[in-house]
Amino acid sequence: MDSMDKTVKFNVKGDEKEASPREILLTVHNALLEKDYNPINQIVGYLLSGDPAYIPRHNNARSLVRRKERDELIEELVRFYLANQPVDKVK
């Protein structure tokens, strides 16, 4: 049998574990700190505008942050914030 008759299996990033929104935000935060940017300002700028120029290419942060939709990143931030607040009774 000729090698041209065989089907070759091709796998694109199928074996890589997809990064969670939390992992992405922490990686981006660290990259911004390493580049001496204010991470809060830069991440907020990206989340509000969608402009990836707010995130550096350092440590592949820009590519990584674009793997998730911005609403998924915001959802993670809100979930974390609310989970870490004391529960008070509404008066």
PDB file of N, CA and C in Angstrom:
ATOM      1  N   MET A   1       0.853  -1.188   0.000  1.00  0.00           N
ATOM      2  CA  MET A   1       0.000   0.000   0.000  1.00  0.00           C
ATOM      3  C   MET A   1       0.888   1.237   0.000  1.00  0.00           C
ATOM      4  N   ASP A   2       0.619   2.156  -0.852  1.00  0.00           N
ATOM      5  CA  ASP A   2       1.373   3.390  -1.004  1.00  0.00           C
ATOM      6  C   ASP A   2       1.073   4.323   0.172  1.00  0.00           C
ATOM      7  N   SER A   3       2.077   5.046   0.673  1.00  0.00           N
ATOM      8  CA  SER A   3       1.870   5.959   1.806  1.00  0.00           C
ATOM      9  C   SER A   3       0.903   7.089   1.473  1.00  0.00           C
ATOM     10  N   MET A   4       0.712   7.365   0.211  1.00  0.00           N
ATOM     11  CA  MET A   4      -0.225   8.418  -0.201  1.00  0.00           C
ATOM     12  C   MET A   4      -1.672   7.977  -0.030  1.00  0.00           C
ATOM     13  N   ASP A   5      -1.891   6.670   0.149  1.00  0.00           N
ATOM     14  CA  ASP A   5      -3.242   6.147   0.306  1.00  0.00           C
ATOM     15  C   ASP A   5      -3.700   6.146   1.759  1.00  0.00           C
ATOM     16  N   LYS A   6      -2.794   6.431   2.683  1.00  0.00           N
ATOM     17  CA  LYS A   6      -3.125   6.396   4.105  1.00  0.00           C
ATOM     18  C   LYS A   6      -3.652   7.757   4.560  1.00  0.00           C
ATOM     19  N   THR A   7      -4.591   7.715   5.460  1.00  0.00           N
ATOM     20  CA  THR A   7      -5.125   8.944   6.047  1.00  0.00           C
ATOM     21  C   THR A   7      -4.234   9.344   7.207  1.00  0.00           C
ATOM     22  N   VAL A   8      -3.834  10.588   7.210  1.00  0.00           N
ATOM     23  CA  VAL A   8      -2.999  11.125   8.275  1.00  0.00           C
ATOM     24  C   VAL A   8      -3.904  11.861   9.249  1.00  0.00           C
ATOM     25  N   LYS A   9      -3.749  11.553  10.520  1.00  0.00           N
ATOM     26  CA  LYS A   9      -4.549  12.216  11.552  1.00  0.00           C
ATOM     27  C   LYS A   9      -3.828  13.482  12.004  1.00  0.00           C
ATOM     28  N   PHE A  10      -4.551  14.596  12.026  1.00  0.00           N
ATOM     29  CA  PHE A  10      -3.994  15.884  12.417  1.00  0.00           C
ATOM     30  C   PHE A  10      -4.797  16.402  13.585  1.00  0.00           C
ATOM     31  N   ASN A  11      -4.105  16.792  14.650  1.00  0.00           N
ATOM     32  CA  ASN A  11      -4.761  17.275  15.854  1.00  0.00           C
ATOM     33  C   ASN A  11      -4.260  18.678  16.165  1.00  0.00           C
ATOM     34  N   VAL A  12      -5.178  19.633  16.232  1.00  0.00           N
ATOM     35  CA  VAL A  12      -4.813  21.010  16.528  1.00  0.00           C
ATOM     36  C   VAL A  12      -5.110  21.305  17.992  1.00  0.00           C
ATOM     37  N   LYS A  13      -4.069  21.436  18.785  1.00  0.00           N
ATOM     38  CA  LYS A  13      -4.183  21.811  20.194  1.00  0.00           C
ATOM     39  C   LYS A  13      -5.227  21.006  20.955  1.00  0.00           C
ATOM     40  N   GLY A  14      -5.505  19.812  20.518  1.00  0.00           N
ATOM     41  CA  GLY A  14      -6.504  18.991  21.180  1.00  0.00           C
ATOM     42  C   GLY A  14      -6.045  18.465  22.530  1.00  0.00           C
ATOM     43  N   ASP A  15      -4.747  18.365  22.699  1.00  0.00           N
ATOM     44  CA  ASP A  15      -4.221  17.813  23.937  1.00  0.00           C
ATOM     45  C   ASP A  15      -3.976  18.878  24.999  1.00  0.00           C
ATOM     46  N   GLU A  16      -4.044  20.152  24.613  1.00  0.00           N
ATOM     47  CA  GLU A  16      -3.806  21.227  25.572  1.00  0.00           C
ATOM     48  C   GLU A  16      -5.043  21.475  26.422  1.00  0.00           C
ATOM     49  N   LYS A  17      -4.826  21.681  27.704  1.00  0.00           N
ATOM     50  CA  LYS A  17      -5.920  22.039  28.603  1.00  0.00           C
ATOM     51  C   LYS A  17      -6.216  23.525  28.408  1.00  0.00           C
ATOM     52  N   GLU A  18      -7.475  23.842  28.249  1.00  0.00           N
ATOM     53  CA  GLU A  18      -7.865  25.232  28.061  1.00  0.00           C
ATOM     54  C   GLU A  18      -7.745  25.988  29.384  1.00  0.00           C
ATOM     55  N   ALA A  19      -7.136  27.160  29.336  1.00  0.00           N
ATOM     56  CA  ALA A  19      -6.952  27.974  30.540  1.00  0.00           C
ATOM     57  C   ALA A  19      -8.297  28.534  30.994  1.00  0.00           C
ATOM     58  N   SER A  20      -8.494  28.549  32.298  1.00  0.00           N
ATOM     59  CA  SER A  20      -9.723  29.110  32.862  1.00  0.00           C
ATOM     60  C   SER A  20      -9.622  30.635  32.849  1.00  0.00           C
ATOM     61  N   PRO A  21     -10.765  31.330  32.947  1.00  0.00           N
ATOM     62  CA  PRO A  21     -10.714  32.790  33.043  1.00  0.00           C
ATOM     63  C   PRO A  21      -9.849  33.257  34.205  1.00  0.00           C
ATOM     64  N   ARG A  22      -9.900  32.547  35.321  1.00  0.00           N
ATOM     65  CA  ARG A  22      -9.085  32.912  36.485  1.00  0.00           C
ATOM     66  C   ARG A  22      -7.598  32.818  36.152  1.00  0.00           C
ATOM     67  N   GLU A  23      -7.192  31.722  35.534  1.00  0.00           N
ATOM     68  CA  GLU A  23      -5.784  31.534  35.169  1.00  0.00           C
ATOM     69  C   GLU A  23      -5.327  32.611  34.189  1.00  0.00           C
ATOM     70  N   ILE A  24      -6.191  32.952  33.259  1.00  0.00           N
ATOM     71  CA  ILE A  24      -5.862  33.981  32.274  1.00  0.00           C
ATOM     72  C   ILE A  24      -5.671  35.328  32.964  1.00  0.00           C
ATOM     73  N   LEU A  25      -6.612  35.699  33.826  1.00  0.00           N
ATOM     74  CA  LEU A  25      -6.506  36.985  34.513  1.00  0.00           C
ATOM     75  C   LEU A  25      -5.253  37.064  35.379  1.00  0.00           C
ATOM     76  N   LEU A  26      -4.916  35.982  36.057  1.00  0.00           N
ATOM     77  CA  LEU A  26      -3.715  35.989  36.895  1.00  0.00           C
ATOM     78  C   LEU A  26      -2.442  36.080  36.058  1.00  0.00           C
ATOM     79  N   THR A  27      -2.409  35.396  34.931  1.00  0.00           N
ATOM     80  CA  THR A  27      -1.244  35.459  34.044  1.00  0.00           C
ATOM     81  C   THR A  27      -1.083  36.858  33.465  1.00  0.00           C
ATOM     82  N   VAL A  28      -2.183  37.449  33.029  1.00  0.00           N
ATOM     83  CA  VAL A  28      -2.149  38.809  32.484  1.00  0.00           C
ATOM     84  C   VAL A  28      -1.714  39.794  33.571  1.00  0.00           C
ATOM     85  N   HIS A  29      -2.249  39.643  34.759  1.00  0.00           N
ATOM     86  CA  HIS A  29      -1.889  40.509  35.886  1.00  0.00           C
ATOM     87  C   HIS A  29      -0.382  40.455  36.145  1.00  0.00           C
ATOM     88  N   ASN A  30       0.167  39.252  36.189  1.00  0.00           N
ATOM     89  CA  ASN A  30       1.599  39.096  36.441  1.00  0.00           C
ATOM     90  C   ASN A  30       2.447  39.689  35.316  1.00  0.00           C
ATOM     91  N   ALA A  31       2.020  39.504  34.076  1.00  0.00           N
ATOM     92  CA  ALA A  31       2.754  40.072  32.943  1.00  0.00           C
ATOM     93  C   ALA A  31       2.756  41.597  33.016  1.00  0.00           C
ATOM     94  N   LEU A  32       1.626  42.180  33.397  1.00  0.00           N
ATOM     95  CA  LEU A  32       1.542  43.637  33.524  1.00  0.00           C
ATOM     96  C   LEU A  32       2.444  44.143  34.642  1.00  0.00           C
ATOM     97  N   LEU A  33       2.469  43.430  35.764  1.00  0.00           N
ATOM     98  CA  LEU A  33       3.362  43.813  36.860  1.00  0.00           C
ATOM     99  C   LEU A  33       4.828  43.752  36.427  1.00  0.00           C
ATOM    100  N   GLU A  34       5.174  42.691  35.713  1.00  0.00           N
ATOM    101  CA  GLU A  34       6.560  42.532  35.262  1.00  0.00           C
ATOM    102  C   GLU A  34       6.974  43.649  34.300  1.00  0.00           C
ATOM    103  N   LYS A  35       6.020  44.176  33.556  1.00  0.00           N
ATOM    104  CA  LYS A  35       6.315  45.266  32.619  1.00  0.00           C
ATOM    105  C   LYS A  35       6.115  46.636  33.264  1.00  0.00           C
ATOM    106  N   ASP A  36       5.833  46.651  34.576  1.00  0.00           N
ATOM    107  CA  ASP A  36       5.680  47.879  35.361  1.00  0.00           C
ATOM    108  C   ASP A  36       4.473  48.727  34.948  1.00  0.00           C
ATOM    109  N   TYR A  37       3.387  48.045  34.568  1.00  0.00           N
ATOM    110  CA  TYR A  37       2.118  48.724  34.303  1.00  0.00           C
ATOM    111  C   TYR A  37       1.224  48.558  35.521  1.00  0.00           C
ATOM    112  N   ASN A  38       0.211  49.415  35.640  1.00  0.00           N
ATOM    113  CA  ASN A  38      -0.810  49.244  36.662  1.00  0.00           C
ATOM    114  C   ASN A  38      -1.788  48.189  36.131  1.00  0.00           C
ATOM    115  N   PRO A  39      -1.768  46.973  36.700  1.00  0.00           N
ATOM    116  CA  PRO A  39      -2.576  45.895  36.139  1.00  0.00           C
ATOM    117  C   PRO A  39      -4.076  46.161  36.168  1.00  0.00           C
ATOM    118  N   ILE A  40      -4.563  46.819  37.214  1.00  0.00           N
ATOM    119  CA  ILE A  40      -5.999  47.091  37.308  1.00  0.00           C
ATOM    120  C   ILE A  40      -6.428  48.024  36.181  1.00  0.00           C
ATOM    121  N   ASN A  41      -5.715  49.125  36.007  1.00  0.00           N
ATOM    122  CA  ASN A  41      -6.059  50.073  34.945  1.00  0.00           C
ATOM    123  C   ASN A  41      -6.021  49.418  33.567  1.00  0.00           C
ATOM    124  N   GLN A  42      -4.990  48.628  33.318  1.00  0.00           N
ATOM    125  CA  GLN A  42      -4.820  48.020  31.995  1.00  0.00           C
ATOM    126  C   GLN A  42      -5.902  46.975  31.714  1.00  0.00           C
ATOM    127  N   ILE A  43      -6.206  46.147  32.711  1.00  0.00           N
ATOM    128  CA  ILE A  43      -7.237  45.117  32.513  1.00  0.00           C
ATOM    129  C   ILE A  43      -8.604  45.761  32.336  1.00  0.00           C
ATOM    130  N   VAL A  44      -8.904  46.776  33.138  1.00  0.00           N
ATOM    131  CA  VAL A  44     -10.179  47.487  32.982  1.00  0.00           C
ATOM    132  C   VAL A  44     -10.248  48.131  31.603  1.00  0.00           C
ATOM    133  N   GLY A  45      -9.175  48.751  31.161  1.00  0.00           N
ATOM    134  CA  GLY A  45      -9.144  49.340  29.819  1.00  0.00           C
ATOM    135  C   GLY A  45      -9.444  48.319  28.746  1.00  0.00           C
ATOM    136  N   TYR A  46      -8.845  47.138  28.865  1.00  0.00           N
ATOM    137  CA  TYR A  46      -9.108  46.074  27.890  1.00  0.00           C
ATOM    138  C   TYR A  46     -10.559  45.601  27.963  1.00  0.00           C
ATOM    139  N   LEU A  47     -11.062  45.362  29.174  1.00  0.00           N
ATOM    140  CA  LEU A  47     -12.420  44.843  29.315  1.00  0.00           C
ATOM    141  C   LEU A  47     -13.472  45.824  28.815  1.00  0.00           C
ATOM    142  N   LEU A  48     -13.244  47.126  29.014  1.00  0.00           N
ATOM    143  CA  LEU A  48     -14.207  48.125  28.558  1.00  0.00           C
ATOM    144  C   LEU A  48     -14.146  48.370  27.055  1.00  0.00           C
ATOM    145  N   SER A  49     -12.946  48.375  26.510  1.00  0.00           N
ATOM    146  CA  SER A  49     -12.783  48.750  25.107  1.00  0.00           C
ATOM    147  C   SER A  49     -12.669  47.572  24.140  1.00  0.00           C
ATOM    148  N   GLY A  50     -12.143  46.460  24.636  1.00  0.00           N
ATOM    149  CA  GLY A  50     -11.881  45.330  23.755  1.00  0.00           C
ATOM    150  C   GLY A  50     -10.589  45.478  22.977  1.00  0.00           C
ATOM    151  N   ASP A  51      -9.859  46.560  23.224  1.00  0.00           N
ATOM    152  CA  ASP A  51      -8.603  46.825  22.520  1.00  0.00           C
ATOM    153  C   ASP A  51      -7.473  46.041  23.172  1.00  0.00           C
ATOM    154  N   PRO A  52      -6.908  45.058  22.480  1.00  0.00           N
ATOM    155  CA  PRO A  52      -5.851  44.239  23.070  1.00  0.00           C
ATOM    156  C   PRO A  52      -4.541  44.996  23.315  1.00  0.00           C
ATOM    157  N   ALA A  53      -4.444  46.228  22.818  1.00  0.00           N
ATOM    158  CA  ALA A  53      -3.231  47.018  23.031  1.00  0.00           C
ATOM    159  C   ALA A  53      -3.022  47.349  24.514  1.00  0.00           C
ATOM    160  N   TYR A  54      -4.052  47.211  25.329  1.00  0.00           N
ATOM    161  CA  TYR A  54      -3.907  47.439  26.770  1.00  0.00           C
ATOM    162  C   TYR A  54      -3.109  46.319  27.449  1.00  0.00           C
ATOM    163  N   ILE A  55      -2.992  45.189  26.777  1.00  0.00           N
ATOM    164  CA  ILE A  55      -2.333  44.014  27.346  1.00  0.00           C
ATOM    165  C   ILE A  55      -1.020  43.784  26.597  1.00  0.00           C
ATOM    166  N   PRO A  56       0.089  43.611  27.311  1.00  0.00           N
ATOM    167  CA  PRO A  56       1.373  43.416  26.626  1.00  0.00           C
ATOM    168  C   PRO A  56       1.497  42.014  26.019  1.00  0.00           C
ATOM    169  N   ARG A  57       2.389  41.908  25.077  1.00  0.00           N
ATOM    170  CA  ARG A  57       2.687  40.594  24.503  1.00  0.00           C
ATOM    171  C   ARG A  57       3.572  39.767  25.432  1.00  0.00           C
ATOM    172  N   HIS A  58       4.137  40.408  26.428  1.00  0.00           N
ATOM    173  CA  HIS A  58       5.030  39.766  27.398  1.00  0.00           C
ATOM    174  C   HIS A  58       4.379  38.504  27.973  1.00  0.00           C
ATOM    175  N   ASN A  59       5.116  37.411  27.996  1.00  0.00           N
ATOM    176  CA  ASN A  59       4.627  36.119  28.493  1.00  0.00           C
ATOM    177  C   ASN A  59       3.349  35.655  27.787  1.00  0.00           C
ATOM    178  N   ASN A  60       3.180  36.084  26.543  1.00  0.00           N
ATOM    179  CA  ASN A  60       2.042  35.677  25.710  1.00  0.00           C
ATOM    180  C   ASN A  60       0.692  36.136  26.294  1.00  0.00           C
ATOM    181  N   ALA A  61       0.714  37.181  27.126  1.00  0.00           N
ATOM    182  CA  ALA A  61      -0.499  37.635  27.814  1.00  0.00           C
ATOM    183  C   ALA A  61      -1.569  38.113  26.845  1.00  0.00           C
ATOM    184  N   ARG A  62      -1.179  38.840  25.793  1.00  0.00           N
ATOM    185  CA  ARG A  62      -2.173  39.377  24.857  1.00  0.00           C
ATOM    186  C   ARG A  62      -2.896  38.248  24.127  1.00  0.00           C
ATOM    187  N   SER A  63      -2.153  37.286  23.693  1.00  0.00           N
ATOM    188  CA  SER A  63      -2.757  36.145  23.002  1.00  0.00           C
ATOM    189  C   SER A  63      -3.653  35.351  23.945  1.00  0.00           C
ATOM    190  N   LEU A  64      -3.195  35.176  25.162  1.00  0.00           N
ATOM    191  CA  LEU A  64      -3.949  34.414  26.149  1.00  0.00           C
ATOM    192  C   LEU A  64      -5.274  35.080  26.499  1.00  0.00           C
ATOM    193  N   VAL A  65      -5.258  36.392  26.716  1.00  0.00           N
ATOM    194  CA  VAL A  65      -6.482  37.094  27.133  1.00  0.00           C
ATOM    195  C   VAL A  65      -7.528  37.088  26.018  1.00  0.00           C
ATOM    196  N   ARG A  66      -7.097  36.968  24.776  1.00  0.00           N
ATOM    197  CA  ARG A  66      -8.043  36.965  23.660  1.00  0.00           C
ATOM    198  C   ARG A  66      -8.671  35.596  23.424  1.00  0.00           C
ATOM    199  N   ARG A  67      -8.253  34.589  24.176  1.00  0.00           N
ATOM    200  CA  ARG A  67      -8.832  33.247  24.035  1.00  0.00           C
ATOM    201  C   ARG A  67     -10.212  33.134  24.678  1.00  0.00           C
ATOM    202  N   LYS A  68     -10.526  34.066  25.547  1.00  0.00           N
ATOM    203  CA  LYS A  68     -11.843  34.087  26.204  1.00  0.00           C
ATOM    204  C   LYS A  68     -12.568  35.363  25.803  1.00  0.00           C
ATOM    205  N   GLU A  69     -13.879  35.272  25.772  1.00  0.00           N
ATOM    206  CA  GLU A  69     -14.680  36.468  25.530  1.00  0.00           C
ATOM    207  C   GLU A  69     -14.573  37.375  26.752  1.00  0.00           C
ATOM    208  N   ARG A  70     -14.660  38.670  26.519  1.00  0.00           N
ATOM    209  CA  ARG A  70     -14.547  39.614  27.637  1.00  0.00           C
ATOM    210  C   ARG A  70     -15.623  39.386  28.689  1.00  0.00           C
ATOM    211  N   ASP A  71     -16.839  39.015  28.271  1.00  0.00           N
ATOM    212  CA  ASP A  71     -17.903  38.784  29.251  1.00  0.00           C
ATOM    213  C   ASP A  71     -17.581  37.595  30.155  1.00  0.00           C
ATOM    214  N   GLU A  72     -16.835  36.616  29.666  1.00  0.00           N
ATOM    215  CA  GLU A  72     -16.425  35.492  30.516  1.00  0.00           C
ATOM    216  C   GLU A  72     -15.435  35.951  31.587  1.00  0.00           C
ATOM    217  N   LEU A  73     -14.548  36.868  31.212  1.00  0.00           N
ATOM    218  CA  LEU A  73     -13.582  37.398  32.174  1.00  0.00           C
ATOM    219  C   LEU A  73     -14.283  38.257  33.226  1.00  0.00           C
ATOM    220  N   ILE A  74     -15.232  39.077  32.781  1.00  0.00           N
ATOM    221  CA  ILE A  74     -15.994  39.918  33.715  1.00  0.00           C
ATOM    222  C   ILE A  74     -16.818  39.037  34.653  1.00  0.00           C
ATOM    223  N   GLU A  75     -17.423  37.990  34.125  1.00  0.00           N
ATOM    224  CA  GLU A  75     -18.198  37.065  34.952  1.00  0.00           C
ATOM    225  C   GLU A  75     -17.325  36.450  36.053  1.00  0.00           C
ATOM    226  N   GLU A  76     -16.112  36.075  35.711  1.00  0.00           N
ATOM    227  CA  GLU A  76     -15.189  35.518  36.699  1.00  0.00           C
ATOM    228  C   GLU A  76     -14.873  36.543  37.788  1.00  0.00           C
ATOM    229  N   LEU A  77     -14.652  37.797  37.393  1.00  0.00           N
ATOM    230  CA  LEU A  77     -14.360  38.850  38.372  1.00  0.00           C
ATOM    231  C   LEU A  77     -15.531  39.088  39.312  1.00  0.00           C
ATOM    232  N   VAL A  78     -16.734  39.133  38.774  1.00  0.00           N
ATOM    233  CA  VAL A  78     -17.929  39.357  39.602  1.00  0.00           C
ATOM    234  C   VAL A  78     -18.151  38.170  40.530  1.00  0.00           C
ATOM    235  N   ARG A  79     -18.024  36.962  39.995  1.00  0.00           N
ATOM    236  CA  ARG A  79     -18.204  35.764  40.806  1.00  0.00           C
ATOM    237  C   ARG A  79     -17.210  35.746  41.982  1.00  0.00           C
ATOM    238  N   PHE A  80     -15.951  36.032  41.695  1.00  0.00           N
ATOM    239  CA  PHE A  80     -14.932  36.043  42.749  1.00  0.00           C
ATOM    240  C   PHE A  80     -15.225  37.127  43.782  1.00  0.00           C
ATOM    241  N   TYR A  81     -15.562  38.310  43.307  1.00  0.00           N
ATOM    242  CA  TYR A  81     -15.840  39.426  44.214  1.00  0.00           C
ATOM    243  C   TYR A  81     -16.991  39.095  45.151  1.00  0.00           C
ATOM    244  N   LEU A  82     -18.087  38.625  44.597  1.00  0.00           N
ATOM    245  CA  LEU A  82     -19.260  38.340  45.421  1.00  0.00           C
ATOM    246  C   LEU A  82     -19.032  37.157  46.362  1.00  0.00           C
ATOM    247  N   ALA A  83     -18.256  36.185  45.932  1.00  0.00           N
ATOM    248  CA  ALA A  83     -17.982  35.028  46.782  1.00  0.00           C
ATOM    249  C   ALA A  83     -17.109  35.398  47.972  1.00  0.00           C
ATOM    250  N   ASN A  84     -16.412  36.511  47.877  1.00  0.00           N
ATOM    251  CA  ASN A  84     -15.507  36.917  48.947  1.00  0.00           C
ATOM    252  C   ASN A  84     -16.015  38.105  49.753  1.00  0.00           C
ATOM    253  N   GLN A  85     -17.301  38.338  49.716  1.00  0.00           N
ATOM    254  CA  GLN A  85     -17.918  39.405  50.497  1.00  0.00           C
ATOM    255  C   GLN A  85     -18.673  38.811  51.664  1.00  0.00           C
ATOM    256  N   PRO A  86     -18.661  39.497  52.797  1.00  0.00           N
ATOM    257  CA  PRO A  86     -19.463  38.995  53.926  1.00  0.00           C
ATOM    258  C   PRO A  86     -20.944  39.097  53.588  1.00  0.00           C
ATOM    259  N   VAL A  87     -21.671  38.134  54.064  1.00  0.00           N
ATOM    260  CA  VAL A  87     -23.112  38.130  53.792  1.00  0.00           C
ATOM    261  C   VAL A  87     -23.801  38.935  54.892  1.00  0.00           C
ATOM    262  N   ASP A  88     -24.436  40.028  54.488  1.00  0.00           N
ATOM    263  CA  ASP A  88     -25.172  40.877  55.425  1.00  0.00           C
ATOM    264  C   ASP A  88     -26.661  40.761  55.123  1.00  0.00           C
ATOM    265  N   LYS A  89     -27.448  40.875  56.162  1.00  0.00           N
ATOM    266  CA  LYS A  89     -28.899  40.877  55.956  1.00  0.00           C
ATOM    267  C   LYS A  89     -29.301  42.242  55.427  1.00  0.00           C
ATOM    268  N   VAL A  90     -30.219  42.233  54.483  1.00  0.00           N
ATOM    269  CA  VAL A  90     -30.755  43.474  53.949  1.00  0.00           C
ATOM    270  C   VAL A  90     -31.780  44.006  54.945  1.00  0.00           C
ATOM    271  N   LYS A  91     -31.634  45.271  55.286  1.00  0.00           N
ATOM    272  CA  LYS A  91     -32.538  45.869  56.284  1.00  0.00           C
ATOM    273  C   LYS A  91     -33.753  46.448  55.629  1.00  0.00           C
TER     274      LYS A  91
END
